[in-house]
Protein backbone atom coordinates (compact mmCIF):
# COMPACT_ATOMS: atom_id res chain seq x y z
CA MET A 1 -1.07 24.80 -23.53
CA ALA A 2 1.85 23.17 -22.28
CA THR A 3 1.60 19.23 -22.06
CA ILE A 4 4.69 16.65 -20.83
CA SER A 5 6.26 15.51 -23.74
CA GLY A 6 9.55 14.10 -25.26
CA THR A 7 11.12 10.88 -24.10
CA SER A 8 11.70 9.89 -20.33
CA SER A 9 15.49 10.87 -21.12
CA GLU A 10 14.50 14.12 -22.42
CA VAL A 11 11.77 14.58 -19.84
CA ALA A 12 14.32 14.19 -16.78
CA GLY A 13 17.45 16.05 -18.49
CA ARG A 14 14.90 19.25 -18.80
CA ARG A 15 13.95 18.58 -14.93
CA LYS A 16 17.81 17.80 -14.17
CA ILE A 17 18.42 21.78 -15.73
CA SER A 18 15.73 23.44 -13.64
CA MET A 19 16.40 23.19 -9.88
CA ARG A 20 18.91 25.73 -8.97
CA ASP A 21 20.25 26.04 -12.56
CA SER A 22 17.23 27.51 -14.65
CA LEU A 23 15.52 29.00 -11.47
CA GLY A 24 18.61 30.69 -10.32
CA ILE A 25 17.63 29.30 -6.97
CA PRO A 26 20.82 28.79 -4.73
CA ALA A 27 20.99 25.76 -2.57
CA GLU A 28 20.72 27.41 0.86
CA SER A 29 17.71 29.11 -0.39
CA GLY A 30 13.84 28.04 0.33
CA ARG A 31 10.00 28.78 0.11
CA THR A 32 10.02 29.43 -3.22
CA ALA A 33 6.79 29.83 -5.53
CA LEU A 34 6.72 27.51 -8.52
CA PRO A 35 6.68 28.93 -12.11
CA ARG A 36 2.56 29.04 -13.29
CA THR A 37 3.25 28.96 -17.07
CA GLY A 38 0.86 26.30 -18.33
CA LEU A 39 -1.94 23.79 -18.08
CA VAL A 40 -2.05 19.67 -18.04
CA SER A 41 -5.09 17.12 -17.70
CA ARG A 42 -6.49 14.16 -17.82
CA PRO A 43 -6.82 11.83 -19.57
CA TYR A 44 -4.23 9.69 -18.97
CA ASN A 45 -2.92 7.49 -21.87
CA GLY A 46 0.68 7.48 -21.38
CA LYS A 47 0.05 11.45 -21.79
CA VAL A 48 -1.31 14.40 -20.30
CA SER A 49 -3.64 16.53 -22.47
CA PRO A 50 -4.09 20.28 -22.27
CA ALA A 51 -6.58 21.16 -19.82
CA SER A 52 -10.01 23.44 -20.59
CA GLY A 53 -9.83 26.64 -18.92
CA ARG A 54 -9.80 25.50 -15.21
CA GLN A 55 -6.91 26.38 -13.02
CA ALA A 56 -4.75 22.98 -12.84
CA ALA A 57 -2.10 21.47 -11.33
CA GLN A 58 0.82 23.17 -13.20
CA PHE A 59 4.57 21.92 -13.46
CA THR A 60 6.25 23.80 -16.85
CA GLY A 61 9.16 26.45 -16.77
CA SER A 62 10.82 28.53 -18.91
CA GLU A 63 12.57 25.99 -20.55
CA GLY A 64 9.39 23.69 -21.88
CA PRO A 65 7.30 21.32 -19.76
CA LEU A 66 8.78 20.30 -16.47
CA THR A 67 11.61 23.11 -16.82
CA GLY A 68 11.20 24.19 -13.39
CA PHE A 69 9.45 21.44 -11.94
CA ARG A 70 12.04 21.01 -9.32
CA SER A 71 12.15 24.66 -7.96
CA ILE A 72 13.05 23.17 -4.15
CA ALA A 73 16.22 21.71 -2.99
CA PRO A 74 16.57 18.40 -1.28
CA LEU A 75 17.20 18.59 2.47
CA PRO A 76 19.46 16.72 4.88
CA VAL A 77 17.97 13.84 6.52
CA SER A 78 18.50 15.15 10.19
CA VAL A 79 15.64 17.90 9.07
CA LEU A 80 13.00 15.07 9.74
CA THR A 81 13.88 16.07 13.53
CA ARG A 82 11.48 18.87 12.11
CA CYS A 83 8.39 16.35 11.98
CA PRO A 84 6.65 15.50 15.09
CA THR A 85 5.29 12.03 15.73
CA GLY A 86 3.01 11.50 18.70
CA GLU A 87 -0.32 8.94 18.20
CA LEU A 88 -0.22 5.33 17.26
CA SER A 89 -2.84 5.59 14.17
CA GLU A 90 -6.04 4.43 15.36
CA ALA A 91 -6.63 3.87 11.45
CA ARG A 92 -4.42 1.31 11.59
CA GLN A 93 -6.34 -0.58 13.98
CA GLY A 94 -8.84 -1.00 11.25
CA MET A 95 -11.79 0.57 12.55
CA THR A 96 -14.89 -0.13 10.47
CA ALA A 97 -14.01 -0.78 6.53
CA ILE A 98 -11.45 2.23 6.53
CA SER A 99 -7.44 2.29 6.68
CA ALA A 100 -5.48 4.95 7.24
CA ASP A 101 -6.27 6.80 4.07
CA GLU A 102 -8.43 9.85 3.64
CA GLY A 103 -11.51 9.88 1.80
CA ALA A 104 -10.33 7.09 -0.44
CA THR A 105 -11.76 3.90 -1.99
CA VAL A 106 -10.16 1.40 -4.09
CA GLN A 107 -10.82 -1.84 -5.60
CA HIS A 108 -8.41 -4.05 -6.48
CA ASP A 109 -8.61 -6.72 -9.54
CA LEU A 110 -6.14 -9.01 -8.00
CA GLY A 111 -6.70 -12.02 -10.56
CA SER A 112 -7.36 -10.26 -14.08
CA GLY A 113 -4.41 -11.33 -15.60
CA VAL A 114 -4.34 -8.02 -17.27
CA GLN A 115 -0.70 -7.23 -18.64
CA PRO A 116 0.52 -3.88 -16.59
CA SER A 117 1.44 -0.75 -18.76
CA HIS A 118 5.24 0.37 -18.64
CA ASP A 119 4.12 3.06 -16.33
CA ALA A 120 2.10 1.13 -13.66
CA LYS A 121 5.50 -1.24 -13.82
CA ALA A 122 7.57 1.53 -13.05
CA ILE A 123 5.45 2.81 -10.25
CA ARG A 124 5.12 -0.42 -8.83
CA ARG A 125 8.79 -1.25 -8.65
CA THR A 126 9.54 2.17 -6.95
CA LEU A 127 6.72 1.53 -4.44
CA ALA A 128 8.32 -2.20 -3.65
CA GLU A 129 11.38 -0.50 -3.12
CA ILE A 130 10.50 2.04 -0.89
CA SER A 131 7.91 0.19 1.06
CA PRO A 132 10.24 -1.12 3.73
CA VAL A 133 11.23 2.35 4.33
CA ALA A 134 8.29 4.14 3.72
CA ASP A 135 8.29 5.88 7.32
CA GLU A 136 11.10 7.48 6.71
CA ALA A 137 10.55 8.62 3.18
CA THR A 138 7.22 10.01 3.73
CA SER A 139 8.73 11.75 7.00
CA TYR A 140 11.28 13.03 4.51
CA PHE A 141 8.64 14.19 2.02
CA TYR A 142 6.47 16.26 4.77
CA ALA A 143 9.81 17.79 6.04
CA LEU A 144 10.46 19.04 2.48
CA LEU A 145 6.89 20.57 1.91
CA PHE A 146 6.69 21.98 5.37
CA THR A 147 10.46 23.87 4.87
CA TYR A 148 9.35 25.13 1.30
CA GLY A 149 5.32 25.86 2.07
CA PRO A 150 5.72 26.51 5.88
CA HIS A 151 1.83 27.55 5.65
CA LEU A 152 0.58 24.23 4.63
CA ARG A 153 1.61 23.32 8.22
CA ASP A 154 -1.14 24.41 9.65
CA MET A 155 -3.92 22.20 7.18
CA PHE A 156 -2.25 19.50 9.48
CA PRO A 157 -2.76 17.55 12.79
CA ALA A 158 0.09 18.09 15.36
CA ALA A 159 1.38 14.66 15.41
CA MET A 160 1.71 13.07 11.82
CA ASP A 161 1.89 9.25 12.36
CA ALA A 162 -1.40 8.73 10.77
CA GLN A 163 -0.55 11.41 8.29
CA ARG A 164 2.43 9.39 6.97
CA ASP A 165 -0.16 6.30 6.64
CA ARG A 166 -2.42 8.04 4.64
CA ILE A 167 0.21 9.39 2.12
CA PHE A 168 1.70 6.33 1.08
CA ALA A 169 -1.90 4.60 1.05
CA ALA A 170 -2.82 6.49 -1.39
CA LEU A 171 0.15 6.25 -3.81
CA LEU A 172 -0.19 2.56 -3.33
CA SER A 173 -4.09 2.99 -4.26
CA ALA A 174 -3.06 5.12 -7.68
CA ALA A 175 -0.20 2.67 -8.28
CA GLU A 176 -2.85 -0.60 -8.21
CA THR A 177 -5.45 1.05 -10.46
CA ILE A 178 -3.22 2.86 -12.82
CA ASP A 179 -4.40 1.00 -15.58
CA GLU A 180 -7.89 0.92 -14.67
CA PRO A 181 -9.43 4.80 -15.48
CA GLU A 182 -12.60 3.98 -14.38
CA LYS A 183 -11.49 3.01 -10.62
CA LEU A 184 -8.89 5.53 -10.23
CA ASP A 185 -10.74 8.35 -11.43
CA ARG A 186 -13.67 7.31 -8.52
CA TYR A 187 -10.92 7.28 -6.20
CA LEU A 188 -9.43 10.35 -6.99
CA ARG A 189 -12.85 12.16 -7.32
CA ASP A 190 -13.33 11.23 -3.63
CA LEU A 191 -10.00 12.15 -2.55
CA GLY A 192 -10.25 15.64 -4.18
CA ARG A 193 -13.73 16.16 -2.49
CA GLY A 194 -12.23 15.28 1.02
CA HIS A 195 -9.49 17.55 0.56
CA ARG A 196 -11.86 20.78 0.70
CA LYS A 197 -12.43 20.23 3.97
CA TYR A 198 -8.54 20.66 4.95
CA GLY A 199 -8.44 24.05 2.38
CA VAL A 200 -6.46 22.93 0.02
CA ARG A 201 -6.07 24.81 -3.01
CA ALA A 202 -5.17 24.05 -6.53
CA ASP A 203 -1.91 25.92 -6.29
CA GLN A 204 -0.75 24.10 -3.66
CA TYR A 205 -0.17 20.73 -5.66
CA PRO A 206 2.85 21.28 -7.91
CA LEU A 207 4.72 21.69 -4.16
CA VAL A 208 3.52 18.56 -3.11
CA GLY A 209 4.33 17.05 -6.52
CA GLU A 210 7.96 18.29 -5.75
CA ALA A 211 8.60 16.71 -2.28
CA LEU A 212 7.10 14.12 -3.99
CA MET A 213 9.16 13.44 -6.44
CA TYR A 214 12.49 14.23 -4.04
CA ALA A 215 11.24 11.48 -1.14
CA LEU A 216 11.00 8.76 -3.95
CA GLU A 217 14.71 9.81 -5.27
CA ARG A 218 16.16 9.46 -2.39
CA TYR A 219 14.41 6.48 -1.08
CA ALA A 220 14.08 4.36 -4.19
CA PRO A 221 17.69 4.58 -5.48
CA ARG A 222 17.48 1.00 -7.15
CA SER A 223 14.74 1.65 -9.36
CA TRP A 224 14.59 5.67 -9.81
CA GLY A 225 15.60 6.83 -13.34
CA PRO A 226 14.64 9.09 -16.31
CA GLU A 227 12.33 6.94 -17.30
CA THR A 228 10.65 6.17 -13.54
CA GLU A 229 10.82 9.88 -12.81
CA ALA A 230 8.89 10.39 -16.17
CA ALA A 231 6.19 8.12 -15.29
CA TRP A 232 5.62 9.50 -11.71
CA VAL A 233 5.46 12.75 -13.25
CA ARG A 234 2.64 11.73 -15.70
CA VAL A 235 1.00 9.76 -12.76
CA TYR A 236 0.86 13.03 -10.02
CA THR A 237 -0.35 15.02 -12.87
CA LEU A 238 -3.03 12.78 -13.59
CA MET A 239 -3.74 12.69 -9.78
CA SER A 240 -3.53 16.08 -8.94
CA GLN A 241 -5.63 17.67 -11.94
CA THR A 242 -8.69 14.86 -11.67
CA MET A 243 -8.45 15.95 -7.48
CA ILE A 244 -8.52 19.79 -8.78
CA ASP A 245 -11.69 19.12 -10.58
CA ALA A 246 -13.26 17.20 -8.43
CA ALA A 247 -12.84 19.87 -5.61
CA ALA A 248 -14.01 22.35 -8.39
CA ASP A 249 -17.21 20.44 -9.28
CA ASP A 250 -18.42 19.99 -5.81
CA GLU A 251 -17.59 23.00 -4.83
CA SER A 252 -20.92 24.24 -6.34
CA VAL A 253 -23.07 21.77 -4.68
CA ALA A 254 -21.43 21.05 -1.38
CA PRO A 255 -20.07 22.44 1.90
CA PRO A 256 -16.60 21.79 2.26
CA TRP A 257 -17.91 20.18 5.44
CA TRP A 258 -21.22 19.35 7.84
CA ASP A 259 -21.47 20.60 11.13
CA ALA A 260 -23.22 17.75 13.10
CA GLU A 261 -24.60 17.87 16.50
CA ILE A 262 -24.85 14.42 18.72
CA VAL A 263 -28.00 13.41 19.49
CA SER A 264 -27.69 10.10 20.76
CA HIS A 265 -24.77 8.18 22.12
CA GLU A 266 -25.35 4.68 23.00
CA ARG A 267 -22.96 2.36 24.55
CA ARG A 268 -23.21 -1.00 23.45
CA THR A 269 -20.21 -2.73 25.09
CA HIS A 270 -17.23 -1.25 27.20
CA ASP A 271 -15.38 0.10 24.07
CA VAL A 272 -18.02 0.13 21.23
CA ALA A 273 -20.70 3.06 20.93
CA VAL A 274 -23.28 4.23 18.68
CA VAL A 275 -23.02 7.72 17.78
CA THR A 276 -26.22 8.99 15.77
CA VAL A 277 -26.06 13.06 14.64
CA ARG A 278 -27.88 15.64 12.94
CA PRO A 279 -26.27 17.48 10.16
CA ASP A 280 -26.69 20.95 9.82
CA GLN A 281 -27.53 20.53 6.10
CA PRO A 282 -28.46 17.88 3.88
CA TYR A 283 -25.90 15.09 3.73
CA PRO A 284 -26.72 12.69 0.79
CA TYR A 285 -24.75 9.37 0.78
CA ARG A 286 -25.41 6.09 -0.52
CA ALA A 287 -25.58 2.45 2.00
CA GLY A 288 -22.07 1.27 1.95
CA GLN A 289 -20.36 4.59 2.10
CA TYR A 290 -18.31 6.43 4.92
CA ALA A 291 -17.36 9.85 6.09
CA SER A 292 -14.50 11.36 7.69
CA LEU A 293 -15.25 12.89 11.17
CA GLU A 294 -13.62 15.57 13.16
CA THR A 295 -13.99 15.80 17.27
CA PRO A 296 -13.94 19.39 18.74
CA TRP A 297 -11.19 17.97 21.40
CA TRP A 298 -8.48 16.80 18.00
CA PRO A 299 -8.76 19.74 15.59
CA ARG A 300 -7.53 18.84 12.24
CA VAL A 301 -7.21 14.92 13.47
CA TRP A 302 -9.99 13.05 11.03
CA ARG A 303 -11.01 9.67 11.10
CA SER A 304 -13.43 7.69 8.67
CA TYR A 305 -16.39 5.68 9.84
CA SER A 306 -18.97 4.00 7.87
CA PHE A 307 -22.57 4.81 7.89
CA ALA A 308 -24.80 1.95 9.83
CA SER A 309 -28.01 2.74 7.80
CA THR A 310 -29.48 3.43 4.60
CA PRO A 311 -30.66 7.38 4.18
CA ARG A 312 -33.23 7.87 6.90
CA SER A 313 -36.18 10.21 6.32
CA ASP A 314 -35.33 12.24 9.55
CA GLY A 315 -32.13 12.96 8.17
CA LEU A 316 -30.07 11.57 11.11
CA LEU A 317 -26.58 9.88 10.67
CA SER A 318 -25.42 6.82 12.80
CA PHE A 319 -21.78 5.60 13.28
CA HIS A 320 -20.56 2.38 15.08
CA VAL A 321 -17.51 3.41 16.90
CA LYS A 322 -14.86 1.27 18.63
CA SER A 323 -12.77 2.54 20.95
CA VAL A 324 -8.72 1.60 20.23
CA PRO A 325 -5.65 1.92 22.07
CA ALA A 326 -3.87 5.45 21.68
CA GLY A 327 -6.79 6.12 19.13
CA TRP A 328 -7.24 10.17 19.71
CA VAL A 329 -10.34 10.04 18.13
CA SER A 330 -12.16 6.95 18.48
CA ARG A 331 -11.63 7.18 22.45
CA SER A 332 -13.15 10.41 22.65
CA LEU A 333 -16.33 9.61 20.51
CA VAL A 334 -16.77 6.49 22.83
CA HIS A 335 -15.85 7.58 26.11
CA ARG A 336 -16.02 11.47 26.14
CA ALA A 337 -18.64 12.64 23.61
CA ARG A 338 -22.33 13.48 24.73
CA PRO A 339 -25.67 14.76 23.23
CA GLY A 340 -25.04 18.23 22.25
CA ASP A 341 -21.15 18.09 21.08
CA VAL A 342 -20.80 19.11 17.58
CA LEU A 343 -18.32 17.12 15.13
CA ARG A 344 -17.19 18.04 11.48
CA LEU A 345 -18.16 15.72 8.78
CA GLY A 346 -16.38 15.53 5.67
CA ALA A 347 -18.26 14.39 2.09
CA PRO A 348 -19.51 11.08 1.58
CA ALA A 349 -17.16 8.27 0.26
CA GLY A 350 -16.38 4.92 -1.08
CA SER A 351 -17.98 2.92 -3.59
CA MET A 352 -18.97 -0.26 -1.49
CA THR A 353 -22.15 0.20 -2.77
CA LEU A 354 -24.94 -2.21 -4.40
CA ASP A 355 -25.69 -2.78 -7.81
CA HIS A 356 -29.30 -3.06 -7.87
CA ALA A 357 -29.17 -3.90 -11.56
CA SER A 358 -27.72 -7.16 -10.61
CA ASP A 359 -30.17 -10.04 -9.09
CA ARG A 360 -26.91 -11.77 -7.80
CA GLY A 361 -26.95 -13.00 -3.87
CA LEU A 362 -24.61 -11.10 -1.72
CA LEU A 363 -22.19 -12.57 0.74
CA CYS A 364 -21.33 -10.10 3.16
CA MET A 365 -18.72 -10.15 5.92
CA GLY A 366 -18.70 -7.47 8.72
CA GLY A 367 -15.87 -7.97 11.74
CA SER A 368 -16.55 -5.77 14.81
CA THR A 369 -17.57 -2.32 14.04
CA GLY A 370 -16.81 -3.26 10.03
CA ILE A 371 -20.73 -4.33 10.67
CA ALA A 372 -21.99 -1.21 10.39
CA PRO A 373 -22.04 -0.55 6.81
CA ILE A 374 -22.91 -4.17 6.32
CA LYS A 375 -26.13 -3.57 8.27
CA ALA A 376 -26.78 -0.60 5.84
CA LEU A 377 -26.49 -2.43 2.77
CA VAL A 378 -29.10 -5.24 3.86
CA GLU A 379 -31.39 -1.96 4.88
CA ASP A 380 -31.19 -1.07 1.17
CA VAL A 381 -31.60 -4.39 -0.21
CA ALA A 382 -35.04 -4.37 1.76
CA GLU A 383 -36.46 -0.86 1.33
CA ARG A 384 -35.93 -1.62 -2.48
CA GLY A 385 -38.16 -4.87 -2.05
CA GLN A 386 -35.62 -7.07 -3.70
CA ARG A 387 -35.73 -10.70 -2.70
CA ARG A 388 -32.10 -11.21 -3.19
CA GLN A 389 -30.20 -14.04 -1.24
CA VAL A 390 -28.29 -12.06 1.32
CA GLU A 391 -25.68 -14.10 3.50
CA VAL A 392 -24.16 -12.18 6.44
CA PHE A 393 -21.07 -13.53 8.59
CA PHE A 394 -20.93 -11.45 11.50
CA GLY A 395 -17.36 -12.06 13.01
CA ALA A 396 -16.11 -11.08 16.56
CA ASN A 397 -13.44 -12.63 18.80
CA ARG A 398 -15.62 -13.34 21.54
CA ASP A 399 -19.96 -13.58 22.18
CA ASN A 400 -20.31 -10.25 23.62
CA GLU A 401 -18.42 -8.62 21.17
CA LEU A 402 -21.54 -9.46 18.91
CA TYR A 403 -22.72 -6.26 19.85
CA ASP A 404 -25.15 -5.86 16.89
CA LEU A 405 -26.64 -9.61 16.66
CA GLN A 406 -30.09 -8.94 18.02
CA SER A 407 -31.21 -6.02 15.43
CA PHE A 408 -29.50 -8.29 12.63
CA LEU A 409 -31.62 -11.44 14.11
CA ASP A 410 -34.50 -9.44 13.88
CA LEU A 411 -33.90 -8.29 10.17
CA GLU A 412 -33.61 -12.22 9.77
CA ARG A 413 -37.04 -12.77 11.14
CA ARG A 414 -38.49 -10.27 8.92
CA HIS A 415 -36.90 -10.95 5.63
CA PRO A 416 -36.83 -14.27 4.47
CA TRP A 417 -34.15 -14.01 1.73
CA LEU A 418 -31.51 -13.26 4.78
CA ALA A 419 -29.61 -15.39 6.58
CA VAL A 420 -27.24 -14.29 9.81
CA ARG A 421 -24.72 -16.14 10.85
CA PRO A 422 -22.35 -15.21 13.58
CA VAL A 423 -18.78 -16.45 14.04
CA VAL A 424 -16.36 -15.98 17.30
CA ALA A 425 -13.05 -16.76 17.26
CA GLU A 426 -12.64 -17.72 21.37
CA ARG A 427 -14.91 -19.51 23.37
CA SER A 428 -17.95 -19.52 21.05
CA THR A 429 -21.28 -20.32 22.14
CA LEU A 430 -23.43 -18.13 19.40
CA GLY A 431 -22.90 -19.38 15.90
CA MET A 432 -19.92 -20.89 14.25
CA ALA A 433 -16.79 -21.62 15.92
CA GLY A 434 -13.10 -20.16 14.24
CA GLN A 435 -12.32 -17.55 12.20
CA LEU A 436 -14.57 -15.50 9.85
CA PRO A 437 -12.64 -15.81 6.52
CA GLU A 438 -12.24 -19.73 7.17
CA ALA A 439 -15.95 -19.91 7.84
CA VAL A 440 -16.98 -18.29 4.87
CA ARG A 441 -14.89 -20.71 3.01
CA GLN A 442 -16.23 -23.86 4.63
CA LEU A 443 -19.99 -23.14 3.72
CA GLY A 444 -18.82 -22.25 0.17
CA PRO A 445 -18.73 -22.16 -3.08
CA TRP A 446 -20.42 -18.73 -3.61
CA ARG A 447 -19.59 -18.35 -7.53
CA GLU A 448 -23.18 -16.70 -7.68
CA PHE A 449 -22.70 -14.21 -5.60
CA ASP A 450 -20.63 -10.89 -5.06
CA GLY A 451 -18.95 -10.14 -1.75
CA TYR A 452 -18.91 -7.52 0.53
CA LEU A 453 -16.32 -7.05 3.25
CA SER A 454 -15.76 -4.39 6.00
CA GLY A 455 -13.69 -4.79 9.41
CA PRO A 456 -10.31 -4.70 10.38
CA PRO A 457 -7.14 -5.26 7.98
CA GLN A 458 -6.23 -8.49 8.61
CA MET A 459 -9.77 -9.93 8.26
CA ILE A 460 -9.81 -7.61 4.80
CA ARG A 461 -6.85 -9.74 4.01
CA LYS A 462 -7.79 -13.22 4.23
CA GLY A 463 -11.22 -12.45 3.28
CA VAL A 464 -10.36 -11.48 0.01
CA ASP A 465 -8.35 -14.59 -0.21
CA ALA A 466 -11.43 -16.65 1.02
CA LEU A 467 -13.99 -15.39 -1.31
CA VAL A 468 -11.42 -15.34 -4.35
CA SER A 469 -10.99 -19.30 -3.56
CA SER A 470 -14.74 -19.93 -3.08
CA GLY A 471 -15.69 -19.11 -7.05
CA ILE A 472 -16.08 -14.86 -6.40
CA PRO A 473 -14.20 -13.29 -9.32
CA ALA A 474 -12.01 -10.87 -7.88
CA ASP A 475 -14.10 -7.80 -9.68
CA ARG A 476 -16.85 -8.68 -7.81
CA ILE A 477 -15.34 -7.93 -4.62
CA ARG A 478 -15.82 -4.53 -2.83
CA HIS A 479 -14.27 -3.20 -0.14
CA ASP A 480 -12.92 0.00 1.37
CA PHE A 481 -9.53 -1.09 2.44
CA VAL A 482 -6.47 0.67 0.91
CA GLY A 483 -3.24 -0.73 2.72
CA SER A 484 -0.84 -2.95 1.09
CA LEU A 485 -2.76 -5.16 -1.54
CA VAL A 486 0.64 -4.07 -3.31
CA ARG A 487 1.04 -6.70 -6.48
CA ASP A 488 4.17 -8.04 -7.47
CA ALA A 489 6.69 -5.32 -9.45
CA GLU A 490 5.96 -7.29 -12.72
CA GLY A 491 2.29 -7.82 -12.46
CA PRO A 492 -0.54 -9.30 -10.11
CA ALA A 493 -0.41 -11.39 -7.25
CA SER A 494 -2.62 -13.32 -4.69
CA PRO A 495 -3.59 -11.01 -2.20
CA ALA A 496 -0.98 -11.23 0.91
CA ARG A 497 -3.20 -9.50 3.51
C-alpha cells in the first residue's frame, strides 16, 4: 500500500518528474488514463494512511507516491472558451439556507482562537490569493477536466456558471474545517452521498485532483510552492477518499436519487410557492435538513431546498420555493410546475438539526423562504413534547412577503414556549421595523440560546455576527450556508458576511 510520504520538497520533486517525463506523455497528447497502483485513505493527521480494501482515489506511480500525479498537460488560457456560460446562479440569490455548493454543510467556528495547522495556513493562503480570480480559476479547472476527460462533460449542466460557484464553495468549506475532523468528515460524507446522483465513480477522482492542482498553480503563483502543493495533495486525498467511502456506504441503503411526484402546488405570493411531493420510496431525513432537486425541464441542473416540516406519517415532503431572476429551477418550480409533474430528489443533507439532549433555548432567524427549515425545527420541538424556549425571528422586505406568518402565529397560540417576531425592512405595519440581524441584537443578549439561521447569504453573514455579539458562542450557531466565511490566511477572523 502506498502512502503520501517524504518532505514537501521531495513530494513536489517527484511530481515534477512525473507529468510528461516518467509517463512519456508528449505535450500535445491528451486523454491519458492515470496510473492506478496504490490506495490512500483517511484519517487525516498530516499524513495519509493506507486504505483497507475499498477502491480509492489513487495518486501513485512508477517512482513512488505522487509520481504520475500529473498525467495531464496544462492548457493555454484560450481554451477557456470551451466552457459555456449562461444562467446567473440562482443559488447565489440565497434560496432557503443553501448556497451554491451541492449537498454541503459546514459550521464555521469563527471565534475558537485555535491556531491553524501548517496545512490549513498553506491552503488558506492559496484560497485568499485565488479568491479575486475565482471565476477564471474554476473555468480553467473545468476546461482541463473536460479536455482530458470529455466523458465527464455529460454529468454537468449545459451552462456552468453555478457549477463554478460550487467547486470554489466546496474548497472553501474544506479549508475552513481542515483542523476540525468531525465537521470536515460530516461535510465530505454529505458531499460524497450527494454526488451519487451524478453517476460519479471512484476512478474519476484522480483526474479531478490533477485539474485542481494545475488550476491552483496557475492562479495562485505567489503562494504556490512545494510545501503548499504537498498540503493540497494531502487534503484532496482525504477529501476524495472520504467522499468515495461515503458513496459506497450509502449505496447499500439508499438509491442515488428518488423520483417524486408533485401532489400539491400552492402559490403564496407572486414569486413564492409551496411545493409538496410524494417520493417513490421512503425518504428518511431530519428536521432542518435539505435536499437537492432536479426538474424535468432542466436536466442535470440541481438546486437545494430545505424541508418545510418534520418527517410526516404520509411520507410527503414540502418545500418553499422563491422564484429569482434568471433562476431556471426556481422559476420552473414556481411558475411552471403542476401536480403530476415528477421531480428528482438527491439524498438529504445538512446539519442544521436539533440537539435534543440540550435544554438550552433556540434563537431562530429565518429570512424569506429561509423560514421553511425554521418551521420544521419548531415542529420537531413540539413533537418531542419539549418545553424549550424558542424565539423565531421571521424577516422580510415588506409585509406581504411574510407569506407563512399565519401558520407560525397558529403554532405560537398552541405552544406557550414559542415566541414569533416578524421583522419587516420597508414600510412595516407588522411586528418590528428594520433589518433582521439588528432586531435580534436589539432584543439580546442570548447567552443561554443556541442559534439557527436560514436565509439569503447577506442575512447569514450579518446574522452570525449579531448572534456572536449577543453572547452565543460560534460553535453553538448552526446554518447551512457555505459561502465565503474565509478566515484570514493566518488565523481566525470575525465573520465578514
